[in-house]
């Protein structure tokens, strides 16, 4: 009888041991699985965050405008030409003047040579800088608010406004994504698209005076604007 009880006790002890081993093994198996799932979820959310950042077109143009306004406000006593050169660097980094030039010239873009395209882009970017910068210069003491963005694939429209007292001057940026960066290819100031405005003007000149005539008029216009800026 005693021998039989001892045998049952041994069996029960062995059975409990087997259960503990199985439970421990299952726990050890679950932890690596839990860790793996957690890591994958972390990477997923990290990826989502990065993607969301890449898709944000408002942040880069807002940062550029703030940088321009900072230079304008902190260099009021500096010679204007030096201030403009600093701002030109900021604008060149954020604006796609080649795309703007192509849109402005429309069908005429394919009619000119590579050298003429390079010449036009250089003059047009300088002209655009003057026009855009002078508008910001007029309102450098005012606040600029960026309100919303509409993104569709590699294109975006970013809405902003210069607030002066009770008046708001809307400025809309049309942007295009290239190599994971957003660049401005058109600016709509108070409802007027710079690209459309220049396209209409340049098309009329090209029909009458061809490309050399357009270049001559652009150079004259830049000289006039530069002379006016130096007087203010």
Foldseek 3Di string as FASTA:
>chain_A
DVVVVVVVVVVVVVVVVVVVVVVVVVVVVVVVVVVVVVVVVVVVVVVVVVVVVLQDQQVLVVVLLVVLLVLLVVQVVPQPVVSLVVNLVSQVVAADLLLLLCLLQPPCVVVDDPVLSVLCSVLVSLVVSLVVSVVCSVQSVFDKAWDDKDDDVFKIKTWMWTDDPPDTWIKIFIWGDDPSHIHTNWIQTSNRIPSVVSSVVVVVQCVPPNSVSSSVVSVVVSVVSVVVVSVD
